[in-house]
Structures are given as C-alpha cells and as structure tokens.
Amino acid sequence: MRVGLIKGRHEMPVKEYIFDSVGNVLNFKRMDDQITVWLYNHRHDIGDRLYVYTTGLTAVVAAVVKACYEMDIPLSLMQYDMTTGKYVEQEIRDKGGNKHETIGNHVD
C-alpha cells in the first residue's frame, strides 16, 4: 500500500494520506494514537509492505516508524530527490524486525 504522510504539504503520487493535517508536531501522543488507529483500520489493505511518502516533518516520520515497528509492519519511506524529481525508497524494516536501507532505488 502506498500512502502520503500529510495531505497538502507536497505533491505526491498517492490518493490516500495518514494525516489530513498535523497541528502541533510536538503532541507526540496524539500523533502516535492517530497513526496507530490508521494502521489498525488499514491492516488488511497494507499487503506485504507499507510505502509512506514523506513530507519532511521529522517528528511525524519518527512516529510512523515507531508505530510500524511496534505493529510489525514492513515499512519503506519514500523520500523526494530534488535532483531527479523522483522518490527514492528507504527500506526501514521487513517483517520480523529485519532492518536495512536501500539506497538509490528511484521510483517514477
């Protein structure tokens, strides 16, 4: 499943977002709760891996990584490459906790 992290911050090749807006990025509990609920509600749609197109807000990205780790959801962050105008996959974790990073895997 491919989703954007926050709607309206950047143009992304997705139709669905985890957050419509964030508000106070220092309200970590609220972000954690919202992400956990979103992941639980979409657990049957995620498939083999969740691809999250990021927006640059570190606290929100950290909350997604934390929630996926706690729920054992394979995660890749899609990072925007300003040089190429494409997204690059940063593979964070596989099922069962294996963590690694893929460098240079551009996605059109």
PDB file of N, CA and C in Angstrom:
ATOM      1  N   MET A   1       0.848  -1.177   0.000  1.00  0.00           N
ATOM      2  CA  MET A   1       0.000   0.000   0.000  1.00  0.00           C
ATOM      3  C   MET A   1       0.891   1.237   0.000  1.00  0.00           C
ATOM      4  N   ARG A   2       0.540   2.219  -0.813  1.00  0.00           N
ATOM      5  CA  ARG A   2       1.285   3.470  -0.906  1.00  0.00           C
ATOM      6  C   ARG A   2       0.397   4.615  -0.433  1.00  0.00           C
ATOM      7  N   VAL A   3       0.909   5.369   0.558  1.00  0.00           N
ATOM      8  CA  VAL A   3       0.159   6.493   1.123  1.00  0.00           C
ATOM      9  C   VAL A   3       1.101   7.667   1.353  1.00  0.00           C
ATOM     10  N   GLY A   4       0.511   8.842   1.385  1.00  0.00           N
ATOM     11  CA  GLY A   4       1.260  10.030   1.764  1.00  0.00           C
ATOM     12  C   GLY A   4       1.180  10.219   3.266  1.00  0.00           C
ATOM     13  N   LEU A   5       2.159  10.894   3.809  1.00  0.00           N
ATOM     14  CA  LEU A   5       2.162  11.114   5.251  1.00  0.00           C
ATOM     15  C   LEU A   5       1.180  12.215   5.650  1.00  0.00           C
ATOM     16  N   ILE A   6       1.312  13.387   5.007  1.00  0.00           N
ATOM     17  CA  ILE A   6       0.448  14.521   5.351  1.00  0.00           C
ATOM     18  C   ILE A   6      -0.112  15.136   4.073  1.00  0.00           C
ATOM     19  N   LYS A   7      -1.400  15.221   3.996  1.00  0.00           N
ATOM     20  CA  LYS A   7      -2.090  15.761   2.824  1.00  0.00           C
ATOM     21  C   LYS A   7      -1.794  17.257   2.660  1.00  0.00           C
ATOM     22  N   GLY A   8      -1.510  17.652   1.418  1.00  0.00           N
ATOM     23  CA  GLY A   8      -1.385  19.066   1.100  1.00  0.00           C
ATOM     24  C   GLY A   8      -0.027  19.701   1.331  1.00  0.00           C
ATOM     25  N   ARG A   9       0.931  18.964   1.879  1.00  0.00           N
ATOM     26  CA  ARG A   9       2.257  19.563   2.107  1.00  0.00           C
ATOM     27  C   ARG A   9       3.107  19.556   0.845  1.00  0.00           C
ATOM     28  N   HIS A  10       3.023  18.480   0.072  1.00  0.00           N
ATOM     29  CA  HIS A  10       3.778  18.338  -1.167  1.00  0.00           C
ATOM     30  C   HIS A  10       2.948  17.509  -2.135  1.00  0.00           C
ATOM     31  N   GLU A  11       3.215  17.658  -3.409  1.00  0.00           N
ATOM     32  CA  GLU A  11       2.550  16.820  -4.405  1.00  0.00           C
ATOM     33  C   GLU A  11       3.142  15.415  -4.318  1.00  0.00           C
ATOM     34  N   MET A  12       2.275  14.429  -4.240  1.00  0.00           N
ATOM     35  CA  MET A  12       2.710  13.036  -4.107  1.00  0.00           C
ATOM     36  C   MET A  12       1.877  12.150  -5.022  1.00  0.00           C
ATOM     37  N   PRO A  13       2.451  11.040  -5.485  1.00  0.00           N
ATOM     38  CA  PRO A  13       1.728  10.133  -6.389  1.00  0.00           C
ATOM     39  C   PRO A  13       0.830   9.152  -5.628  1.00  0.00           C
ATOM     40  N   VAL A  14      -0.011   9.685  -4.731  1.00  0.00           N
ATOM     41  CA  VAL A  14      -0.911   8.851  -3.926  1.00  0.00           C
ATOM     42  C   VAL A  14      -2.279   9.508  -3.849  1.00  0.00           C
ATOM     43  N   LYS A  15      -3.259   8.715  -3.447  1.00  0.00           N
ATOM     44  CA  LYS A  15      -4.616   9.232  -3.271  1.00  0.00           C
ATOM     45  C   LYS A  15      -5.012   9.288  -1.805  1.00  0.00           C
ATOM     46  N   GLU A  16      -4.310   8.544  -0.972  1.00  0.00           N
ATOM     47  CA  GLU A  16      -4.673   8.454   0.439  1.00  0.00           C
ATOM     48  C   GLU A  16      -3.522   8.941   1.317  1.00  0.00           C
ATOM     49  N   TYR A  17      -3.888   9.516   2.463  1.00  0.00           N
ATOM     50  CA  TYR A  17      -2.910  10.078   3.396  1.00  0.00           C
ATOM     51  C   TYR A  17      -3.205   9.599   4.814  1.00  0.00           C
ATOM     52  N   ILE A  18      -2.159   9.488   5.611  1.00  0.00           N
ATOM     53  CA  ILE A  18      -2.338   9.123   7.016  1.00  0.00           C
ATOM     54  C   ILE A  18      -2.904  10.307   7.783  1.00  0.00           C
ATOM     55  N   PHE A  19      -2.412  11.501   7.510  1.00  0.00           N
ATOM     56  CA  PHE A  19      -2.895  12.719   8.165  1.00  0.00           C
ATOM     57  C   PHE A  19      -3.479  13.673   7.136  1.00  0.00           C
ATOM     58  N   ASP A  20      -4.635  14.261   7.454  1.00  0.00           N
ATOM     59  CA  ASP A  20      -5.138  15.380   6.658  1.00  0.00           C
ATOM     60  C   ASP A  20      -4.374  16.644   7.045  1.00  0.00           C
ATOM     61  N   SER A  21      -4.070  16.770   8.322  1.00  0.00           N
ATOM     62  CA  SER A  21      -3.235  17.851   8.859  1.00  0.00           C
ATOM     63  C   SER A  21      -2.677  17.346  10.185  1.00  0.00           C
ATOM     64  N   VAL A  22      -1.624  18.006  10.672  1.00  0.00           N
ATOM     65  CA  VAL A  22      -0.964  17.523  11.878  1.00  0.00           C
ATOM     66  C   VAL A  22      -1.224  18.412  13.082  1.00  0.00           C
ATOM     67  N   GLY A  23      -1.232  19.710  12.895  1.00  0.00           N
ATOM     68  CA  GLY A  23      -1.369  20.608  14.041  1.00  0.00           C
ATOM     69  C   GLY A  23      -0.039  20.692  14.788  1.00  0.00           C
ATOM     70  N   ASN A  24      -0.081  20.515  16.076  1.00  0.00           N
ATOM     71  CA  ASN A  24       1.108  20.618  16.917  1.00  0.00           C
ATOM     72  C   ASN A  24       1.980  19.373  16.751  1.00  0.00           C
ATOM     73  N   VAL A  25       3.130  19.522  16.091  1.00  0.00           N
ATOM     74  CA  VAL A  25       4.014  18.381  15.851  1.00  0.00           C
ATOM     75  C   VAL A  25       4.722  17.918  17.115  1.00  0.00           C
ATOM     76  N   LEU A  26       4.552  18.639  18.199  1.00  0.00           N
ATOM     77  CA  LEU A  26       5.146  18.220  19.466  1.00  0.00           C
ATOM     78  C   LEU A  26       4.157  17.457  20.344  1.00  0.00           C
ATOM     79  N   ASN A  27       2.951  17.270  19.853  1.00  0.00           N
ATOM     80  CA  ASN A  27       1.964  16.463  20.573  1.00  0.00           C
ATOM     81  C   ASN A  27       2.151  15.009  20.122  1.00  0.00           C
ATOM     82  N   PHE A  28       3.210  14.393  20.640  1.00  0.00           N
ATOM     83  CA  PHE A  28       3.609  13.063  20.202  1.00  0.00           C
ATOM     84  C   PHE A  28       2.552  12.003  20.487  1.00  0.00           C
ATOM     85  N   LYS A  29       1.898  12.084  21.615  1.00  0.00           N
ATOM     86  CA  LYS A  29       0.876  11.093  21.974  1.00  0.00           C
ATOM     87  C   LYS A  29      -0.265  11.114  20.963  1.00  0.00           C
ATOM     88  N   ARG A  30      -0.718  12.301  20.589  1.00  0.00           N
ATOM     89  CA  ARG A  30      -1.823  12.409  19.632  1.00  0.00           C
ATOM     90  C   ARG A  30      -1.408  11.832  18.276  1.00  0.00           C
ATOM     91  N   MET A  31      -0.180  12.154  17.848  1.00  0.00           N
ATOM     92  CA  MET A  31       0.298  11.607  16.569  1.00  0.00           C
ATOM     93  C   MET A  31       0.408  10.084  16.641  1.00  0.00           C
ATOM     94  N   ASP A  32       0.990   9.575  17.731  1.00  0.00           N
ATOM     95  CA  ASP A  32       1.121   8.120  17.900  1.00  0.00           C
ATOM     96  C   ASP A  32      -0.238   7.446  17.848  1.00  0.00           C
ATOM     97  N   ASP A  33      -1.192   8.019  18.566  1.00  0.00           N
ATOM     98  CA  ASP A  33      -2.543   7.437  18.603  1.00  0.00           C
ATOM     99  C   ASP A  33      -3.193   7.450  17.226  1.00  0.00           C
ATOM    100  N   GLN A  34      -3.069   8.573  16.514  1.00  0.00           N
ATOM    101  CA  GLN A  34      -3.703   8.679  15.195  1.00  0.00           C
ATOM    102  C   GLN A  34      -3.080   7.697  14.212  1.00  0.00           C
ATOM    103  N   ILE A  35      -1.772   7.563  14.239  1.00  0.00           N
ATOM    104  CA  ILE A  35      -1.104   6.627  13.327  1.00  0.00           C
ATOM    105  C   ILE A  35      -1.484   5.193  13.668  1.00  0.00           C
ATOM    106  N   THR A  36      -1.511   4.861  14.942  1.00  0.00           N
ATOM    107  CA  THR A  36      -1.872   3.502  15.357  1.00  0.00           C
ATOM    108  C   THR A  36      -3.284   3.155  14.908  1.00  0.00           C
ATOM    109  N   VAL A  37      -4.212   4.066  15.081  1.00  0.00           N
ATOM    110  CA  VAL A  37      -5.593   3.839  14.643  1.00  0.00           C
ATOM    111  C   VAL A  37      -5.644   3.691  13.125  1.00  0.00           C
ATOM    112  N   TRP A  38      -4.934   4.556  12.402  1.00  0.00           N
ATOM    113  CA  TRP A  38      -4.921   4.467  10.936  1.00  0.00           C
ATOM    114  C   TRP A  38      -4.368   3.117  10.491  1.00  0.00           C
ATOM    115  N   LEU A  39      -3.243   2.697  11.072  1.00  0.00           N
ATOM    116  CA  LEU A  39      -2.647   1.410  10.704  1.00  0.00           C
ATOM    117  C   LEU A  39      -3.582   0.252  11.029  1.00  0.00           C
ATOM    118  N   TYR A  40      -4.220   0.298  12.174  1.00  0.00           N
ATOM    119  CA  TYR A  40      -5.149  -0.763  12.552  1.00  0.00           C
ATOM    120  C   TYR A  40      -6.321  -0.821  11.566  1.00  0.00           C
ATOM    121  N   ASN A  41      -6.865   0.329  11.223  1.00  0.00           N
ATOM    122  CA  ASN A  41      -8.009   0.375  10.309  1.00  0.00           C
ATOM    123  C   ASN A  41      -7.658  -0.062   8.890  1.00  0.00           C
ATOM    124  N   HIS A  42      -6.395   0.045   8.511  1.00  0.00           N
ATOM    125  CA  HIS A  42      -5.958  -0.313   7.156  1.00  0.00           C
ATOM    126  C   HIS A  42      -5.121  -1.588   7.127  1.00  0.00           C
ATOM    127  N   ARG A  43      -5.085  -2.331   8.206  1.00  0.00           N
ATOM    128  CA  ARG A  43      -4.202  -3.502   8.317  1.00  0.00           C
ATOM    129  C   ARG A  43      -4.449  -4.539   7.224  1.00  0.00           C
ATOM    130  N   HIS A  44      -5.676  -4.634   6.729  1.00  0.00           N
ATOM    131  CA  HIS A  44      -5.981  -5.622   5.690  1.00  0.00           C
ATOM    132  C   HIS A  44      -5.660  -5.105   4.283  1.00  0.00           C
ATOM    133  N   ASP A  45      -5.406  -3.799   4.175  1.00  0.00           N
ATOM    134  CA  ASP A  45      -5.108  -3.189   2.878  1.00  0.00           C
ATOM    135  C   ASP A  45      -3.611  -3.023   2.629  1.00  0.00           C
ATOM    136  N   ILE A  46      -2.804  -3.120   3.674  1.00  0.00           N
ATOM    137  CA  ILE A  46      -1.374  -2.806   3.575  1.00  0.00           C
ATOM    138  C   ILE A  46      -0.626  -3.783   2.680  1.00  0.00           C
ATOM    139  N   GLY A  47      -0.967  -5.035   2.722  1.00  0.00           N
ATOM    140  CA  GLY A  47      -0.269  -6.017   1.895  1.00  0.00           C
ATOM    141  C   GLY A  47       1.089  -6.372   2.480  1.00  0.00           C
ATOM    142  N   ASP A  48       2.074  -6.585   1.598  1.00  0.00           N
ATOM    143  CA  ASP A  48       3.402  -7.021   2.034  1.00  0.00           C
ATOM    144  C   ASP A  48       4.227  -5.905   2.657  1.00  0.00           C
ATOM    145  N   ARG A  49       3.919  -4.646   2.327  1.00  0.00           N
ATOM    146  CA  ARG A  49       4.752  -3.537   2.788  1.00  0.00           C
ATOM    147  C   ARG A  49       3.954  -2.246   2.705  1.00  0.00           C
ATOM    148  N   LEU A  50       4.214  -1.346   3.651  1.00  0.00           N
ATOM    149  CA  LEU A  50       3.628  -0.013   3.624  1.00  0.00           C
ATOM    150  C   LEU A  50       4.675   0.954   3.094  1.00  0.00           C
ATOM    151  N   TYR A  51       4.335   1.676   2.030  1.00  0.00           N
ATOM    152  CA  TYR A  51       5.202   2.698   1.448  1.00  0.00           C
ATOM    153  C   TYR A  51       4.619   4.049   1.835  1.00  0.00           C
ATOM    154  N   VAL A  52       5.372   4.832   2.603  1.00  0.00           N
ATOM    155  CA  VAL A  52       4.894   6.131   3.069  1.00  0.00           C
ATOM    156  C   VAL A  52       5.721   7.234   2.407  1.00  0.00           C
ATOM    157  N   TYR A  53       5.052   8.091   1.645  1.00  0.00           N
ATOM    158  CA  TYR A  53       5.696   9.239   1.013  1.00  0.00           C
ATOM    159  C   TYR A  53       5.799  10.336   2.067  1.00  0.00           C
ATOM    160  N   THR A  54       7.033  10.733   2.366  1.00  0.00           N
ATOM    161  CA  THR A  54       7.289  11.631   3.491  1.00  0.00           C
ATOM    162  C   THR A  54       7.158  13.093   3.095  1.00  0.00           C
ATOM    163  N   THR A  55       7.088  13.931   4.125  1.00  0.00           N
ATOM    164  CA  THR A  55       6.899  15.362   3.922  1.00  0.00           C
ATOM    165  C   THR A  55       7.965  16.198   4.614  1.00  0.00           C
ATOM    166  N   GLY A  56       8.885  15.583   5.290  1.00  0.00           N
ATOM    167  CA  GLY A  56       9.966  16.324   5.915  1.00  0.00           C
ATOM    168  C   GLY A  56       9.767  16.681   7.374  1.00  0.00           C
ATOM    169  N   LEU A  57       8.636  16.395   7.952  1.00  0.00           N
ATOM    170  CA  LEU A  57       8.432  16.660   9.379  1.00  0.00           C
ATOM    171  C   LEU A  57       8.971  15.474  10.184  1.00  0.00           C
ATOM    172  N   THR A  58      10.128  15.654  10.771  1.00  0.00           N
ATOM    173  CA  THR A  58      10.842  14.570  11.438  1.00  0.00           C
ATOM    174  C   THR A  58      10.006  13.885  12.511  1.00  0.00           C
ATOM    175  N   ALA A  59       9.312  14.640  13.337  1.00  0.00           N
ATOM    176  CA  ALA A  59       8.534  14.053  14.425  1.00  0.00           C
ATOM    177  C   ALA A  59       7.440  13.129  13.895  1.00  0.00           C
ATOM    178  N   VAL A  60       6.829  13.501  12.780  1.00  0.00           N
ATOM    179  CA  VAL A  60       5.757  12.689  12.204  1.00  0.00           C
ATOM    180  C   VAL A  60       6.342  11.425  11.558  1.00  0.00           C
ATOM    181  N   VAL A  61       7.462  11.572  10.868  1.00  0.00           N
ATOM    182  CA  VAL A  61       8.131  10.418  10.274  1.00  0.00           C
ATOM    183  C   VAL A  61       8.549   9.439  11.373  1.00  0.00           C
ATOM    184  N   ALA A  62       9.124   9.967  12.455  1.00  0.00           N
ATOM    185  CA  ALA A  62       9.538   9.109  13.574  1.00  0.00           C
ATOM    186  C   ALA A  62       8.348   8.366  14.159  1.00  0.00           C
ATOM    187  N   ALA A  63       7.199   9.017  14.242  1.00  0.00           N
ATOM    188  CA  ALA A  63       6.005   8.374  14.789  1.00  0.00           C
ATOM    189  C   ALA A  63       5.536   7.221  13.906  1.00  0.00           C
ATOM    190  N   VAL A  64       5.638   7.380  12.587  1.00  0.00           N
ATOM    191  CA  VAL A  64       5.251   6.295  11.668  1.00  0.00           C
ATOM    192  C   VAL A  64       6.212   5.120  11.812  1.00  0.00           C
ATOM    193  N   VAL A  65       7.504   5.405  11.863  1.00  0.00           N
ATOM    194  CA  VAL A  65       8.497   4.343  12.021  1.00  0.00           C
ATOM    195  C   VAL A  65       8.246   3.584  13.324  1.00  0.00           C
ATOM    196  N   LYS A  66       8.016   4.315  14.391  1.00  0.00           N
ATOM    197  CA  LYS A  66       7.754   3.711  15.708  1.00  0.00           C
ATOM    198  C   LYS A  66       6.519   2.808  15.661  1.00  0.00           C
ATOM    199  N   ALA A  67       5.425   3.307  15.101  1.00  0.00           N
ATOM    200  CA  ALA A  67       4.181   2.532  15.058  1.00  0.00           C
ATOM    201  C   ALA A  67       4.339   1.268  14.206  1.00  0.00           C
ATOM    202  N   CYS A  68       4.996   1.387  13.064  1.00  0.00           N
ATOM    203  CA  CYS A  68       5.199   0.206  12.209  1.00  0.00           C
ATOM    204  C   CYS A  68       6.085  -0.814  12.902  1.00  0.00           C
ATOM    205  N   TYR A  69       7.076  -0.348  13.621  1.00  0.00           N
ATOM    206  CA  TYR A  69       7.939  -1.256  14.379  1.00  0.00           C
ATOM    207  C   TYR A  69       7.118  -2.003  15.431  1.00  0.00           C
ATOM    208  N   GLU A  70       6.316  -1.250  16.188  1.00  0.00           N
ATOM    209  CA  GLU A  70       5.515  -1.852  17.260  1.00  0.00           C
ATOM    210  C   GLU A  70       4.466  -2.817  16.735  1.00  0.00           C
ATOM    211  N   MET A  71       3.946  -2.560  15.520  1.00  0.00           N
ATOM    212  CA  MET A  71       2.892  -3.400  14.951  1.00  0.00           C
ATOM    213  C   MET A  71       3.432  -4.431  13.958  1.00  0.00           C
ATOM    214  N   ASP A  72       4.757  -4.518  13.833  1.00  0.00           N
ATOM    215  CA  ASP A  72       5.427  -5.466  12.940  1.00  0.00           C
ATOM    216  C   ASP A  72       4.945  -5.321  11.489  1.00  0.00           C
ATOM    217  N   ILE A  73       4.917  -4.078  11.015  1.00  0.00           N
ATOM    218  CA  ILE A  73       4.501  -3.778   9.648  1.00  0.00           C
ATOM    219  C   ILE A  73       5.738  -3.415   8.838  1.00  0.00           C
ATOM    220  N   PRO A  74       6.044  -4.161   7.779  1.00  0.00           N
ATOM    221  CA  PRO A  74       7.163  -3.812   6.916  1.00  0.00           C
ATOM    222  C   PRO A  74       6.965  -2.405   6.347  1.00  0.00           C
ATOM    223  N   LEU A  75       8.024  -1.587   6.402  1.00  0.00           N
ATOM    224  CA  LEU A  75       7.902  -0.171   6.066  1.00  0.00           C
ATOM    225  C   LEU A  75       9.017   0.289   5.145  1.00  0.00           C
ATOM    226  N   SER A  76       8.632   1.072   4.147  1.00  0.00           N
ATOM    227  CA  SER A  76       9.582   1.824   3.326  1.00  0.00           C
ATOM    228  C   SER A  76       9.135   3.275   3.312  1.00  0.00           C
ATOM    229  N   LEU A  77      10.080   4.170   3.554  1.00  0.00           N
ATOM    230  CA  LEU A  77       9.806   5.597   3.422  1.00  0.00           C
ATOM    231  C   LEU A  77      10.203   6.016   2.023  1.00  0.00           C
ATOM    232  N   MET A  78       9.355   6.780   1.389  1.00  0.00           N
ATOM    233  CA  MET A  78       9.640   7.285   0.048  1.00  0.00           C
ATOM    234  C   MET A  78      10.085   8.738   0.204  1.00  0.00           C
ATOM    235  N   GLN A  79      11.375   8.962  -0.070  1.00  0.00           N
ATOM    236  CA  GLN A  79      11.998  10.268   0.128  1.00  0.00           C
ATOM    237  C   GLN A  79      12.130  10.970  -1.224  1.00  0.00           C
ATOM    238  N   TYR A  80      11.796  12.255  -1.257  1.00  0.00           N
ATOM    239  CA  TYR A  80      11.855  13.013  -2.501  1.00  0.00           C
ATOM    240  C   TYR A  80      13.289  13.424  -2.810  1.00  0.00           C
ATOM    241  N   ASP A  81      13.730  13.148  -4.033  1.00  0.00           N
ATOM    242  CA  ASP A  81      15.058  13.531  -4.505  1.00  0.00           C
ATOM    243  C   ASP A  81      14.897  14.790  -5.361  1.00  0.00           C
ATOM    244  N   MET A  82      15.333  15.934  -4.831  1.00  0.00           N
ATOM    245  CA  MET A  82      15.161  17.206  -5.535  1.00  0.00           C
ATOM    246  C   MET A  82      15.960  17.258  -6.831  1.00  0.00           C
ATOM    247  N   THR A  83      17.032  16.498  -6.933  1.00  0.00           N
ATOM    248  CA  THR A  83      17.868  16.495  -8.130  1.00  0.00           C
ATOM    249  C   THR A  83      17.163  15.836  -9.304  1.00  0.00           C
ATOM    250  N   THR A  84      16.517  14.708  -9.050  1.00  0.00           N
ATOM    251  CA  THR A  84      15.871  13.956 -10.134  1.00  0.00           C
ATOM    252  C   THR A  84      14.372  14.222 -10.239  1.00  0.00           C
ATOM    253  N   GLY A  85      13.776  14.743  -9.170  1.00  0.00           N
ATOM    254  CA  GLY A  85      12.332  14.951  -9.156  1.00  0.00           C
ATOM    255  C   GLY A  85      11.558  13.670  -8.943  1.00  0.00           C
ATOM    256  N   LYS A  86      12.246  12.628  -8.480  1.00  0.00           N
ATOM    257  CA  LYS A  86      11.615  11.337  -8.233  1.00  0.00           C
ATOM    258  C   LYS A  86      11.722  10.985  -6.753  1.00  0.00           C
ATOM    259  N   TYR A  87      10.944   9.999  -6.361  1.00  0.00           N
ATOM    260  CA  TYR A  87      11.022   9.496  -4.990  1.00  0.00           C
ATOM    261  C   TYR A  87      11.994   8.325  -4.916  1.00  0.00           C
ATOM    262  N   VAL A  88      12.719   8.236  -3.818  1.00  0.00           N
ATOM    263  CA  VAL A  88      13.694   7.178  -3.582  1.00  0.00           C
ATOM    264  C   VAL A  88      13.220   6.368  -2.377  1.00  0.00           C
ATOM    265  N   GLU A  89      13.238   5.050  -2.526  1.00  0.00           N
ATOM    266  CA  GLU A  89      12.800   4.174  -1.440  1.00  0.00           C
ATOM    267  C   GLU A  89      13.898   4.026  -0.390  1.00  0.00           C
ATOM    268  N   GLN A  90      13.515   4.256   0.866  1.00  0.00           N
ATOM    269  CA  GLN A  90      14.384   3.988   2.008  1.00  0.00           C
ATOM    270  C   GLN A  90      13.715   2.861   2.794  1.00  0.00           C
ATOM    271  N   GLU A  91      14.191   1.644   2.600  1.00  0.00           N
ATOM    272  CA  GLU A  91      13.577   0.488   3.244  1.00  0.00           C
ATOM    273  C   GLU A  91      13.998   0.470   4.708  1.00  0.00           C
ATOM    274  N   ILE A  92      13.033   0.568   5.598  1.00  0.00           N
ATOM    275  CA  ILE A  92      13.317   0.684   7.029  1.00  0.00           C
ATOM    276  C   ILE A  92      13.301  -0.665   7.719  1.00  0.00           C
ATOM    277  N   ARG A  93      12.272  -1.455   7.451  1.00  0.00           N
ATOM    278  CA  ARG A  93      12.198  -2.745   8.149  1.00  0.00           C
ATOM    279  C   ARG A  93      11.371  -3.739   7.355  1.00  0.00           C
ATOM    280  N   ASP A  94      11.728  -5.002   7.551  1.00  0.00           N
ATOM    281  CA  ASP A  94      10.981  -6.114   6.978  1.00  0.00           C
ATOM    282  C   ASP A  94      10.170  -6.781   8.079  1.00  0.00           C
ATOM    283  N   LYS A  95       9.312  -7.675   7.694  1.00  0.00           N
ATOM    284  CA  LYS A  95       8.530  -8.451   8.657  1.00  0.00           C
ATOM    285  C   LYS A  95       9.485  -9.186   9.596  1.00  0.00           C
ATOM    286  N   GLY A  96       9.182  -9.173  10.866  1.00  0.00           N
ATOM    287  CA  GLY A  96      10.003  -9.880  11.841  1.00  0.00           C
ATOM    288  C   GLY A  96      11.159  -9.060  12.380  1.00  0.00           C
ATOM    289  N   GLY A  97      11.281  -7.799  11.963  1.00  0.00           N
ATOM    290  CA  GLY A  97      12.255  -6.918  12.569  1.00  0.00           C
ATOM    291  C   GLY A  97      13.556  -6.705  11.834  1.00  0.00           C
ATOM    292  N   ASN A  98      13.761  -7.344  10.690  1.00  0.00           N
ATOM    293  CA  ASN A  98      14.993  -7.093   9.951  1.00  0.00           C
ATOM    294  C   ASN A  98      14.984  -5.662   9.445  1.00  0.00           C
ATOM    295  N   LYS A  99      16.041  -4.918   9.760  1.00  0.00           N
ATOM    296  CA  LYS A  99      16.103  -3.509   9.383  1.00  0.00           C
ATOM    297  C   LYS A  99      17.271  -3.299   8.436  1.00  0.00           C
ATOM    298  N   HIS A 100      17.025  -2.566   7.370  1.00  0.00           N
ATOM    299  CA  HIS A 100      18.091  -2.207   6.454  1.00  0.00           C
ATOM    300  C   HIS A 100      17.639  -1.069   5.573  1.00  0.00           C
ATOM    301  N   GLU A 101      18.564  -0.525   4.812  1.00  0.00           N
ATOM    302  CA  GLU A 101      18.249   0.616   3.960  1.00  0.00           C
ATOM    303  C   GLU A 101      18.630   0.306   2.525  1.00  0.00           C
ATOM    304  N   THR A 102      17.756   0.648   1.608  1.00  0.00           N
ATOM    305  CA  THR A 102      18.056   0.530   0.187  1.00  0.00           C
ATOM    306  C   THR A 102      18.398   1.921  -0.331  1.00  0.00           C
ATOM    307  N   ILE A 103      19.543   2.066  -0.963  1.00  0.00           N
ATOM    308  CA  ILE A 103      19.980   3.360  -1.459  1.00  0.00           C
ATOM    309  C   ILE A 103      19.873   3.366  -2.980  1.00  0.00           C
ATOM    310  N   GLY A 104      19.286   4.445  -3.505  1.00  0.00           N
ATOM    311  CA  GLY A 104      19.286   4.652  -4.941  1.00  0.00           C
ATOM    312  C   GLY A 104      18.195   3.945  -5.711  1.00  0.00           C
ATOM    313  N   ASN A 105      17.180   3.445  -5.048  1.00  0.00           N
ATOM    314  CA  ASN A 105      16.091   2.773  -5.729  1.00  0.00           C
ATOM    315  C   ASN A 105      15.024   3.809  -6.096  1.00  0.00           C
ATOM    316  N   HIS A 106      15.188   4.490  -7.232  1.00  0.00           N
ATOM    317  CA  HIS A 106      14.263   5.529  -7.644  1.00  0.00           C
ATOM    318  C   HIS A 106      12.938   4.949  -8.123  1.00  0.00           C
ATOM    319  N   VAL A 107      11.883   5.658  -7.789  1.00  0.00           N
ATOM    320  CA  VAL A 107      10.548   5.265  -8.208  1.00  0.00           C
ATOM    321  C   VAL A 107       9.946   6.416  -9.003  1.00  0.00           C
ATOM    322  N   ASP A 108       9.450   6.121 -10.177  1.00  0.00           N
ATOM    323  CA  ASP A 108       8.827   7.177 -11.011  1.00  0.00           C
ATOM    324  C   ASP A 108       7.463   7.520 -10.513  1.00  0.00           C
TER     325      ASP A 108
END
